[in-house]
């Protein structure tokens, strides 16, 4: 009779032998693939394996990847039937999968919520209702997936990121934005762009990896408030030698300063009027929210502006100034069919024509709209003569939402946006000095987004993921603040 312990040892030995054999076989297969496959494919596969392992160990790693895939992921699109995926889509899917596996394995995480989660749920429910009247289902699904990705990343950040990770995530966002800005500056200086982007003589409007100047400038406009708020609010840390975290804070401060300079220059070189209006709105919001906290800095900037502003303004090309001021001559109520079209007013009239088309869609279905993502499909029914080709959206996100979602869709969107703004402002004015800069930055980003969206649609090219990360960090800071207050009371 075989002793039970001997039988167990025999089984274990058999399992170890099989595991070792399979391991050697796997290594041999990998070696064969590496030897036969192209070097580029091997490198991509190796990076993919490392990425998956990192995400399984810690899903938050995906946020650092998203910081770079948002601007550069479009360089390697993945076509699946009528859908075109981006590397950012894959990263979001991996984050969600690894987060789910981690949650089911530990059961230790508890989803944090609040009024913002209720507002987000209302928005998603309204978007689902928008599927009912759709005729172009693929466009509706694309729009719905966009907001589902936003929701997933927002909730993930609130529930998985730790306070000490915020600086690292912000650093990754600013570094990616700086690289993108430098590339845009190179395009402007060398004139390496399509003829349609010709700008100020021999130059080209900067467009980066986004293919168009407006989303490129919108991307920079969303990150600029983060950069200059760090410069304004955290500058003491850069020279604080007694602070144990001073080196880290100093590095972030200098990165933010460099990012502010290059991103501001690239935004100007894009020639995007909507981005410039958004930048101005963001600065005004930061001043209003910050108040006394930055009065000394504002006084210094005001003096510098009064001294150098007129000279710098005089050096700007007249064509650039005319382009900006032409925005205020946008025809709204006039008969667009009777206006003579020129190179100077073409884009303005085209935009106004799409605004009127969106309004006509709203008049057709005022309560629930024509359906999620259906602007292009319905456009031929309401198109103004001479403007038969749709641009994909109304070039005004509020009008676009009103057209596709009606009054119900617009109200739920605005409720969610106001919720994010309130949380950002409350974070900016609380007594946690280490995190008030984050709320201030988010307030500036919110204003830049809202104003720029009056002339365009910034929920393109995965810019919604930047917003999800940033506002997720704000909600995380609010959660931490509430937790601190509860501990003090106890």
Protein backbone atom coordinates (compact mmCIF):
# COMPACT_ATOMS: atom_id res chain seq x y z
CA UNK A 1 0.00 0.00 0.00
CA UNK A 2 1.35 3.44 -1.07
CA UNK A 3 1.70 5.96 1.72
CA UNK A 4 -0.54 9.05 1.20
CA UNK A 5 2.40 11.46 1.50
CA UNK A 6 4.35 9.50 -1.09
CA UNK A 7 1.37 9.66 -3.45
CA UNK A 8 1.09 13.42 -2.98
CA UNK A 9 4.84 13.84 -3.64
CA UNK A 10 4.48 11.74 -6.81
CA UNK A 11 1.59 13.89 -8.06
CA UNK A 12 3.48 17.10 -7.28
CA UNK A 13 6.56 15.80 -9.07
CA UNK A 14 4.43 14.94 -12.10
CA UNK A 15 2.88 18.40 -12.14
CA UNK A 16 6.27 20.07 -11.80
CA UNK A 17 7.65 17.98 -14.66
CA UNK A 18 4.72 18.85 -16.91
CA UNK A 19 4.95 22.55 -15.99
CA UNK A 20 8.67 22.55 -16.73
CA UNK A 21 8.10 20.80 -20.06
CA UNK A 22 5.39 23.27 -21.05
CA UNK A 23 7.61 26.18 -20.03
CA UNK A 24 10.47 24.92 -22.19
CA UNK A 25 8.06 24.34 -25.06
CA UNK A 26 6.68 27.85 -24.68
CA UNK A 27 10.18 29.36 -24.60
CA UNK A 28 11.11 27.37 -27.70
CA UNK A 29 7.98 28.63 -29.49
CA UNK A 30 8.74 32.22 -28.50
CA UNK A 31 12.36 31.83 -29.67
CA UNK A 32 11.15 30.44 -33.01
CA UNK A 33 8.71 33.35 -33.47
CA UNK A 34 11.40 35.90 -32.59
CA UNK A 35 13.81 34.27 -35.04
CA UNK A 36 11.32 34.20 -37.91
CA UNK A 37 9.12 37.27 -37.34
CA UNK A 38 10.06 40.80 -38.44
CA UNK A 39 11.92 42.89 -35.88
CA UNK A 40 9.15 45.50 -35.74
CA UNK A 41 6.53 42.86 -34.98
CA UNK A 42 8.71 41.38 -32.24
CA UNK A 43 9.23 44.78 -30.65
CA UNK A 44 5.49 45.51 -30.71
CA UNK A 45 4.74 42.09 -29.24
CA UNK A 46 7.30 42.55 -26.46
CA UNK A 47 5.93 45.99 -25.58
CA UNK A 48 2.39 44.57 -25.63
CA UNK A 49 3.30 41.72 -23.27
CA UNK A 50 5.05 44.09 -20.85
CA UNK A 51 2.07 46.44 -20.98
CA UNK A 52 -0.43 43.68 -20.24
CA UNK A 53 1.66 42.40 -17.32
CA UNK A 54 1.93 45.94 -15.91
CA UNK A 55 -1.82 46.47 -16.24
CA UNK A 56 -2.60 43.16 -14.55
CA UNK A 57 -0.31 44.04 -11.63
CA UNK A 58 -1.58 47.61 -11.38
CA UNK A 59 -4.38 48.83 -13.70
CA UNK A 60 -3.53 52.48 -12.90
CA UNK A 61 -0.54 52.04 -15.24
CA UNK A 62 -3.04 52.42 -18.06
CA UNK A 63 -3.59 56.08 -17.19
CA UNK A 64 0.07 56.83 -17.87
CA UNK A 65 -0.27 55.03 -21.22
CA UNK A 66 -3.42 56.99 -22.09
CA UNK A 67 -1.54 60.25 -21.55
CA UNK A 68 0.54 59.38 -24.63
CA UNK A 69 -1.89 57.31 -26.70
CA UNK A 70 -4.46 60.14 -26.77
CA UNK A 71 -2.28 62.39 -28.97
CA UNK A 72 -0.20 59.70 -30.71
CA UNK A 73 -2.46 56.64 -30.88
CA UNK A 74 -4.09 57.85 -34.11
CA UNK A 75 -0.80 57.24 -35.92
CA UNK A 76 -1.58 53.49 -35.84
CA UNK A 77 -5.34 53.08 -36.44
CA UNK A 78 -6.95 49.63 -36.28
CA UNK A 79 -9.75 49.07 -38.81
CA UNK A 80 -12.47 46.55 -37.89
CA UNK A 81 -15.22 46.60 -40.50
CA UNK A 82 -16.85 50.04 -40.53
CA UNK A 83 -15.25 50.87 -37.17
CA UNK A 84 -11.78 52.34 -36.70
CA UNK A 85 -10.22 51.70 -33.33
CA UNK A 86 -7.34 53.50 -31.73
CA UNK A 87 -4.69 52.26 -29.33
CA UNK A 88 -6.52 54.30 -26.68
CA UNK A 89 -9.57 52.04 -27.16
CA UNK A 90 -7.44 48.98 -26.45
CA UNK A 91 -5.88 50.59 -23.37
CA UNK A 92 -9.32 51.52 -21.98
CA UNK A 93 -10.56 47.96 -22.63
CA UNK A 94 -7.51 46.50 -20.87
CA UNK A 95 -7.96 48.86 -17.91
CA UNK A 96 -11.58 47.82 -17.58
CA UNK A 97 -10.76 44.10 -17.88
CA UNK A 98 -7.87 44.17 -15.40
CA UNK A 99 -9.90 46.30 -12.98
CA UNK A 100 -12.78 43.80 -13.17
CA UNK A 101 -10.48 40.81 -12.63
CA UNK A 102 -8.82 42.53 -9.70
CA UNK A 103 -12.19 43.43 -8.18
CA UNK A 104 -13.62 39.90 -8.53
CA UNK A 105 -10.44 38.40 -7.08
CA UNK A 106 -10.19 40.60 -3.97
CA UNK A 107 -13.73 41.92 -3.39
CA UNK A 108 -12.08 44.61 -1.30
CA UNK A 109 -12.86 47.60 -3.50
CA UNK A 110 -16.05 49.56 -2.92
CA UNK A 111 -17.23 51.92 -5.61
CA UNK A 112 -17.31 55.52 -4.43
CA UNK A 113 -20.16 57.71 -5.61
CA UNK A 114 -21.96 60.97 -4.99
CA UNK A 115 -24.08 63.49 -6.81
CA UNK A 116 -21.66 63.38 -9.73
CA UNK A 117 -22.38 59.66 -10.21
CA UNK A 118 -26.11 60.34 -10.30
CA UNK A 119 -25.61 63.09 -12.89
CA UNK A 120 -23.40 60.75 -14.94
CA UNK A 121 -26.02 58.01 -14.77
CA UNK A 122 -28.71 60.43 -15.98
CA UNK A 123 -26.49 61.45 -18.90
CA UNK A 124 -25.81 57.84 -19.92
CA UNK A 125 -29.51 56.95 -19.64
CA UNK A 126 -30.40 59.88 -21.91
CA UNK A 127 -27.78 58.72 -24.42
CA UNK A 128 -29.31 55.24 -24.41
CA UNK A 129 -32.71 56.80 -25.13
CA UNK A 130 -31.07 58.50 -28.09
CA UNK A 131 -30.58 55.09 -29.72
CA UNK A 132 -34.33 54.66 -30.26
CA UNK A 133 -34.86 57.06 -33.21
CA UNK A 134 -31.53 56.31 -34.91
CA UNK A 135 -31.22 55.35 -38.57
CA UNK A 136 -27.42 55.33 -38.82
CA UNK A 137 -26.79 52.84 -36.01
CA UNK A 138 -23.01 52.70 -36.42
CA UNK A 139 -22.67 56.44 -35.75
CA UNK A 140 -24.89 56.14 -32.68
CA UNK A 141 -22.81 53.26 -31.31
CA UNK A 142 -19.58 55.23 -31.83
CA UNK A 143 -21.00 58.16 -29.87
CA UNK A 144 -22.29 55.92 -27.10
CA UNK A 145 -18.98 54.07 -26.78
CA UNK A 146 -17.21 57.41 -26.48
CA UNK A 147 -19.24 58.37 -23.42
CA UNK A 148 -19.02 54.87 -21.95
CA UNK A 149 -15.22 55.15 -22.14
CA UNK A 150 -15.47 58.53 -20.43
CA UNK A 151 -17.60 57.04 -17.65
CA UNK A 152 -15.33 54.01 -17.17
CA UNK A 153 -12.16 56.11 -16.85
CA UNK A 154 -13.85 58.68 -14.58
CA UNK A 155 -15.14 56.05 -12.16
CA UNK A 156 -11.86 54.10 -12.37
CA UNK A 157 -9.77 57.14 -11.43
CA UNK A 158 -11.96 57.98 -8.43
CA UNK A 159 -11.80 54.43 -7.09
CA UNK A 160 -8.25 53.30 -7.89
CA UNK A 161 -5.85 56.25 -7.99
CA UNK A 162 -4.13 57.29 -4.78
CA UNK A 163 -3.43 60.91 -3.89
CA UNK A 164 0.33 60.42 -4.19
CA UNK A 165 -0.11 59.29 -7.83
CA UNK A 166 -1.67 62.57 -8.97
CA UNK A 167 1.61 64.34 -9.68
CA UNK A 168 2.87 61.43 -11.78
CA UNK A 169 -0.28 61.30 -13.91
CA UNK A 170 -0.25 65.08 -14.41
CA UNK A 171 3.44 64.93 -15.35
CA UNK A 172 2.69 62.31 -18.02
CA UNK A 173 -0.12 64.46 -19.46
CA UNK A 174 2.08 67.57 -19.61
CA UNK A 175 5.03 65.71 -21.16
CA UNK A 176 2.79 64.24 -23.88
CA UNK A 177 1.26 67.67 -24.51
CA UNK A 178 4.71 69.27 -24.74
CA UNK A 179 5.92 66.72 -27.30
CA UNK A 180 2.77 67.24 -29.35
CA UNK A 181 3.22 71.03 -29.13
CA UNK A 182 6.84 70.86 -30.28
CA UNK A 183 5.75 68.80 -33.28
CA UNK A 184 3.11 71.40 -34.11
CA UNK A 185 5.67 74.20 -33.84
CA UNK A 186 7.91 72.30 -36.26
CA UNK A 187 5.02 72.03 -38.75
CA UNK A 188 4.36 75.77 -38.49
CA UNK A 189 7.95 76.84 -38.94
CA UNK A 190 8.79 74.47 -41.80
CA UNK A 191 5.44 74.89 -43.56
CA UNK A 192 5.06 71.11 -43.70
CA UNK A 193 1.32 70.81 -44.11
CA UNK A 194 -1.48 70.70 -46.68
CA UNK A 195 -1.99 73.71 -48.90
CA UNK A 196 -5.34 74.33 -47.23
CA UNK A 197 -3.49 74.99 -43.94
CA UNK A 198 -1.35 77.79 -45.42
CA UNK A 199 -1.03 80.54 -42.85
CA UNK A 200 0.66 83.94 -42.73
CA UNK A 201 2.54 83.56 -45.98
CA UNK A 202 5.05 80.71 -45.97
CA UNK A 203 3.87 79.13 -42.74
CA UNK A 204 1.37 76.34 -42.06
CA UNK A 205 -1.24 76.15 -39.32
CA UNK A 206 0.02 73.72 -36.66
CA UNK A 207 -2.07 70.57 -36.53
CA UNK A 208 0.18 67.98 -34.85
CA UNK A 209 -0.91 64.36 -35.07
CA UNK A 210 -4.61 65.29 -35.05
CA UNK A 211 -4.88 65.98 -38.78
CA UNK A 212 -6.72 69.28 -38.18
CA UNK A 213 -5.65 72.51 -36.42
CA UNK A 214 -8.83 72.86 -34.31
CA UNK A 215 -8.69 69.55 -32.37
CA UNK A 216 -4.93 70.01 -32.03
CA UNK A 217 -5.46 73.44 -30.47
CA UNK A 218 -8.34 72.09 -28.41
CA UNK A 219 -6.08 69.39 -26.98
CA UNK A 220 -3.51 71.99 -25.96
CA UNK A 221 -6.25 74.28 -24.63
CA UNK A 222 -7.45 71.57 -22.25
CA UNK A 223 -3.97 71.00 -20.83
CA UNK A 224 -2.78 74.61 -20.65
CA UNK A 225 -4.80 75.48 -17.49
CA UNK A 226 -3.20 72.50 -15.76
CA UNK A 227 0.26 73.72 -16.71
CA UNK A 228 -0.09 77.38 -15.79
CA UNK A 229 -2.00 76.64 -12.57
CA UNK A 230 0.93 74.51 -11.40
CA UNK A 231 3.28 77.39 -12.26
CA UNK A 232 1.10 79.88 -10.37
CA UNK A 233 0.12 77.81 -7.35
CA UNK A 234 3.09 75.54 -6.72
CA UNK A 235 6.03 77.80 -7.40
CA UNK A 236 7.11 77.94 -3.71
CA UNK A 237 7.73 74.19 -3.80
CA UNK A 238 10.32 74.54 -6.56
CA UNK A 239 12.72 76.28 -4.16
CA UNK A 240 11.64 74.68 -0.87
CA UNK A 241 14.89 73.02 0.19
CA UNK A 242 13.55 71.91 3.57
CA UNK A 243 10.59 70.07 2.07
CA UNK A 244 11.37 66.37 1.72
CA UNK A 245 9.38 66.24 -1.55
CA UNK A 246 10.94 69.45 -2.89
CA UNK A 247 12.95 67.74 -5.70
CA UNK A 248 9.83 66.05 -7.05
CA UNK A 249 7.81 69.26 -6.80
CA UNK A 250 10.59 71.25 -8.43
CA UNK A 251 10.72 68.82 -11.38
CA UNK A 252 6.95 69.06 -11.85
CA UNK A 253 7.08 72.86 -11.63
CA UNK A 254 9.77 73.17 -14.30
CA UNK A 255 7.98 70.67 -16.55
CA UNK A 256 4.79 72.73 -16.14
CA UNK A 257 6.65 75.95 -16.96
CA UNK A 258 8.17 74.46 -20.13
CA UNK A 259 4.80 72.95 -21.09
CA UNK A 260 3.08 76.32 -20.64
CA UNK A 261 5.52 78.02 -22.98
CA UNK A 262 5.55 75.45 -25.80
CA UNK A 263 1.82 74.68 -25.67
CA UNK A 264 0.88 78.36 -25.67
CA UNK A 265 3.16 78.99 -28.65
CA UNK A 266 1.76 75.98 -30.54
CA UNK A 267 -1.81 77.04 -29.80
CA UNK A 268 -1.12 80.46 -31.30
CA UNK A 269 0.46 78.82 -34.34
CA UNK A 270 -2.63 76.69 -34.89
CA UNK A 271 -4.67 79.79 -35.71
CA UNK A 272 -7.70 78.29 -33.95
CA UNK A 273 -10.06 81.07 -32.91
CA UNK A 274 -12.16 78.74 -30.77
CA UNK A 275 -9.08 77.63 -28.83
CA UNK A 276 -8.01 81.24 -28.25
CA UNK A 277 -11.48 82.07 -26.94
CA UNK A 278 -11.34 79.00 -24.71
CA UNK A 279 -7.89 79.98 -23.44
CA UNK A 280 -9.15 83.45 -22.51
CA UNK A 281 -12.21 81.96 -20.77
CA UNK A 282 -10.01 79.56 -18.81
CA UNK A 283 -7.76 82.37 -17.61
CA UNK A 284 -10.75 84.46 -16.52
CA UNK A 285 -12.24 81.51 -14.61
CA UNK A 286 -8.92 80.80 -12.85
CA UNK A 287 -8.67 84.45 -11.79
CA UNK A 288 -12.24 84.48 -10.48
CA UNK A 289 -11.86 81.24 -8.53
CA UNK A 290 -8.34 81.84 -7.20
CA UNK A 291 -9.03 85.35 -5.95
CA UNK A 292 -6.53 86.51 -3.34
CA UNK A 293 -4.38 83.40 -3.74
CA UNK A 294 -2.77 84.73 -6.93
CA UNK A 295 -3.24 88.49 -6.60
CA UNK A 296 0.53 89.18 -6.23
CA UNK A 297 1.26 87.15 -9.37
CA UNK A 298 -1.59 88.83 -11.28
CA UNK A 299 -0.32 92.27 -10.28
CA UNK A 300 3.12 91.40 -11.62
CA UNK A 301 1.68 90.01 -14.86
CA UNK A 302 -0.50 93.09 -15.28
CA UNK A 303 2.52 95.37 -15.04
CA UNK A 304 4.45 93.26 -17.55
CA UNK A 305 1.45 93.23 -19.90
CA UNK A 306 1.05 97.00 -19.75
CA UNK A 307 4.73 97.50 -20.44
CA UNK A 308 5.30 94.91 -23.14
CA UNK A 309 1.78 94.20 -24.42
CA UNK A 310 1.47 97.07 -26.93
CA UNK A 311 4.88 96.33 -28.46
CA UNK A 312 4.13 92.61 -28.76
CA UNK A 313 0.69 93.30 -30.23
CA UNK A 314 2.23 95.62 -32.82
CA UNK A 315 4.55 92.83 -33.94
CA UNK A 316 1.70 90.42 -34.64
CA UNK A 317 0.86 90.15 -38.35
CA UNK A 318 -2.24 92.06 -39.38
CA UNK A 319 -3.63 88.92 -41.01
CA UNK A 320 -3.51 87.11 -37.66
CA UNK A 321 -5.30 89.93 -35.83
CA UNK A 322 -7.90 90.13 -38.60
CA UNK A 323 -8.51 86.39 -38.37
CA UNK A 324 -9.25 86.64 -34.66
CA UNK A 325 -11.46 89.72 -34.88
CA UNK A 326 -13.42 88.26 -37.81
CA UNK A 327 -14.93 85.80 -35.35
CA UNK A 328 -17.12 88.59 -33.96
CA UNK A 329 -18.60 89.26 -37.41
CA UNK A 330 -20.08 85.74 -37.65
CA UNK A 331 -23.46 86.06 -39.40
CA UNK A 332 -26.22 84.43 -37.38
CA UNK A 333 -29.68 85.70 -38.21
CA UNK A 334 -28.90 86.95 -41.72
CA UNK A 335 -29.83 85.14 -44.92
CA UNK A 336 -26.77 83.00 -45.55
CA UNK A 337 -27.85 82.25 -49.09
CA UNK A 338 -27.51 85.91 -50.07
CA UNK A 339 -24.02 86.46 -48.62
CA UNK A 340 -21.17 86.56 -51.09
CA UNK A 341 -18.62 83.91 -50.16
CA UNK A 342 -14.94 84.85 -50.03
CA UNK A 343 -11.80 83.16 -48.73
CA UNK A 344 -12.01 85.35 -45.62
CA UNK A 345 -15.59 84.51 -44.63
CA UNK A 346 -15.93 80.97 -45.99
CA UNK A 347 -15.31 79.10 -42.72
CA UNK A 348 -17.49 81.52 -40.74
CA UNK A 349 -20.48 81.19 -43.05
CA UNK A 350 -20.02 77.42 -43.29
CA UNK A 351 -20.12 77.21 -39.51
CA UNK A 352 -23.21 79.42 -39.29
CA UNK A 353 -24.93 77.22 -41.91
CA UNK A 354 -24.35 74.15 -39.76
CA UNK A 355 -25.64 75.99 -36.70
CA UNK A 356 -28.86 76.77 -38.53
CA UNK A 357 -29.15 73.16 -39.67
CA UNK A 358 -28.85 71.99 -36.05
CA UNK A 359 -31.58 74.41 -35.02
CA UNK A 360 -33.87 73.08 -37.75
CA UNK A 361 -33.28 69.53 -36.46
CA UNK A 362 -34.27 70.70 -32.98
CA UNK A 363 -37.46 72.21 -34.40
CA UNK A 364 -38.28 68.84 -35.98
CA UNK A 365 -37.97 66.92 -32.67
CA UNK A 366 -37.69 69.40 -29.78
CA UNK A 367 -37.91 67.05 -26.79
CA UNK A 368 -35.69 64.05 -27.60
CA UNK A 369 -33.94 65.15 -30.79
CA UNK A 370 -33.23 63.27 -34.00
CA UNK A 371 -31.15 60.58 -32.30
CA UNK A 372 -27.69 59.99 -30.92
CA UNK A 373 -24.98 60.65 -33.50
CA UNK A 374 -27.54 61.33 -36.25
CA UNK A 375 -26.50 64.87 -37.20
CA UNK A 376 -24.81 63.76 -40.43
CA UNK A 377 -27.62 61.37 -41.37
CA UNK A 378 -30.36 63.98 -40.92
CA UNK A 379 -28.38 66.93 -42.30
CA UNK A 380 -29.52 66.54 -45.96
CA UNK A 381 -33.13 67.11 -44.83
CA UNK A 382 -32.35 70.52 -43.34
CA UNK A 383 -29.27 71.61 -45.29
CA UNK A 384 -29.12 75.21 -46.50
CA UNK A 385 -28.49 75.60 -50.25
CA UNK A 386 -24.79 75.82 -51.15
CA UNK A 387 -23.92 73.91 -47.96
CA UNK A 388 -25.01 70.39 -48.79
CA UNK A 389 -21.95 68.60 -47.39
CA UNK A 390 -22.10 67.94 -43.63
CA UNK A 391 -19.02 68.46 -41.49
CA UNK A 392 -19.88 65.61 -39.14
CA UNK A 393 -21.22 67.83 -36.37
CA UNK A 394 -22.75 71.27 -35.87
CA UNK A 395 -19.47 72.97 -34.83
CA UNK A 396 -21.25 73.98 -31.65
CA UNK A 397 -21.61 71.18 -29.14
CA UNK A 398 -24.59 72.70 -27.35
CA UNK A 399 -26.51 73.06 -30.61
CA UNK A 400 -25.36 69.59 -31.64
CA UNK A 401 -26.67 68.14 -28.37
CA UNK A 402 -29.90 70.06 -28.76
CA UNK A 403 -30.33 68.66 -32.28
CA UNK A 404 -29.51 65.04 -31.41
CA UNK A 405 -30.89 64.86 -27.87
CA UNK A 406 -33.47 67.63 -27.74
CA UNK A 407 -34.25 69.58 -24.59
CA UNK A 408 -33.91 66.45 -22.42
CA UNK A 409 -30.45 65.67 -23.80
CA UNK A 410 -29.19 69.23 -23.42
CA UNK A 411 -30.48 69.56 -19.85
CA UNK A 412 -28.87 66.31 -18.68
CA UNK A 413 -25.58 67.28 -20.35
CA UNK A 414 -25.60 70.72 -18.71
CA UNK A 415 -26.50 69.23 -15.31
CA UNK A 416 -23.50 66.92 -15.52
CA UNK A 417 -21.22 69.75 -16.67
CA UNK A 418 -22.35 72.04 -13.84
CA UNK A 419 -21.76 69.20 -11.37
CA UNK A 420 -18.15 68.87 -12.56
CA UNK A 421 -17.64 72.64 -12.35
CA UNK A 422 -19.03 72.82 -8.81
CA UNK A 423 -16.78 69.97 -7.65
CA UNK A 424 -13.77 71.67 -9.29
CA UNK A 425 -14.47 75.03 -7.66
CA UNK A 426 -15.06 73.43 -4.26
CA UNK A 427 -11.71 71.63 -4.57
CA UNK A 428 -10.02 74.91 -5.49
CA UNK A 429 -11.35 76.84 -2.50
CA UNK A 430 -10.96 74.19 0.22
CA UNK A 431 -8.22 74.34 2.83
CA UNK A 432 -6.11 71.52 1.39
CA UNK A 433 -3.43 73.72 -0.15
CA UNK A 434 -1.67 70.77 -1.76
CA UNK A 435 -4.71 69.99 -3.92
CA UNK A 436 -6.41 73.36 -4.47
CA UNK A 437 -4.29 73.88 -7.60
CA UNK A 438 -5.95 70.80 -9.10
CA UNK A 439 -9.45 72.22 -8.64
CA UNK A 440 -8.25 75.54 -10.04
CA UNK A 441 -6.79 73.81 -13.11
CA UNK A 442 -9.97 71.80 -13.66
CA UNK A 443 -12.05 74.98 -13.42
CA UNK A 444 -9.91 76.57 -16.13
CA UNK A 445 -10.11 73.46 -18.29
CA UNK A 446 -13.89 73.35 -17.86
CA UNK A 447 -14.22 76.95 -19.06
CA UNK A 448 -11.86 76.37 -22.00
CA UNK A 449 -13.89 73.30 -22.98
CA UNK A 450 -17.26 75.02 -22.64
CA UNK A 451 -16.31 78.13 -24.65
CA UNK A 452 -14.37 76.26 -27.34
CA UNK A 453 -17.35 73.94 -27.74
CA UNK A 454 -19.44 76.95 -28.74
CA UNK A 455 -17.44 76.96 -31.98
CA UNK A 456 -16.52 73.31 -32.34
CA UNK A 457 -16.80 69.81 -30.84
CA UNK A 458 -13.92 68.80 -28.60
CA UNK A 459 -15.31 65.34 -27.86
CA UNK A 460 -13.23 63.97 -30.72
CA UNK A 461 -9.83 62.31 -31.08
CA UNK A 462 -10.17 60.83 -27.57
CA UNK A 463 -9.97 64.23 -25.88
CA UNK A 464 -12.85 63.05 -23.69
CA UNK A 465 -10.37 60.73 -21.95
CA UNK A 466 -8.25 63.70 -20.86
CA UNK A 467 -11.35 65.22 -19.32
CA UNK A 468 -12.22 61.93 -17.63
CA UNK A 469 -8.75 61.68 -16.08
CA UNK A 470 -8.60 65.30 -14.94
CA UNK A 471 -12.10 65.49 -13.46
CA UNK A 472 -11.62 62.02 -11.96
CA UNK A 473 -8.60 63.37 -10.09
CA UNK A 474 -10.70 66.31 -8.88
CA UNK A 475 -13.41 63.99 -7.58
CA UNK A 476 -10.68 61.90 -5.94
CA UNK A 477 -9.39 65.02 -4.19
CA UNK A 478 -12.91 65.83 -3.02
CA UNK A 479 -13.26 62.30 -1.66
CA UNK A 480 -9.97 62.64 0.20
CA UNK A 481 -11.03 66.01 1.62
CA UNK A 482 -14.32 64.57 2.91
CA UNK A 483 -12.47 61.62 4.44
CA UNK A 484 -10.08 63.97 6.23
CA UNK A 485 -12.98 66.03 7.60
CA UNK A 486 -14.70 62.90 8.92
CA UNK A 487 -11.52 61.79 10.69
CA UNK A 488 -11.16 65.22 12.31
CA UNK A 489 -14.77 65.14 13.54
CA UNK A 490 -14.27 61.68 15.03
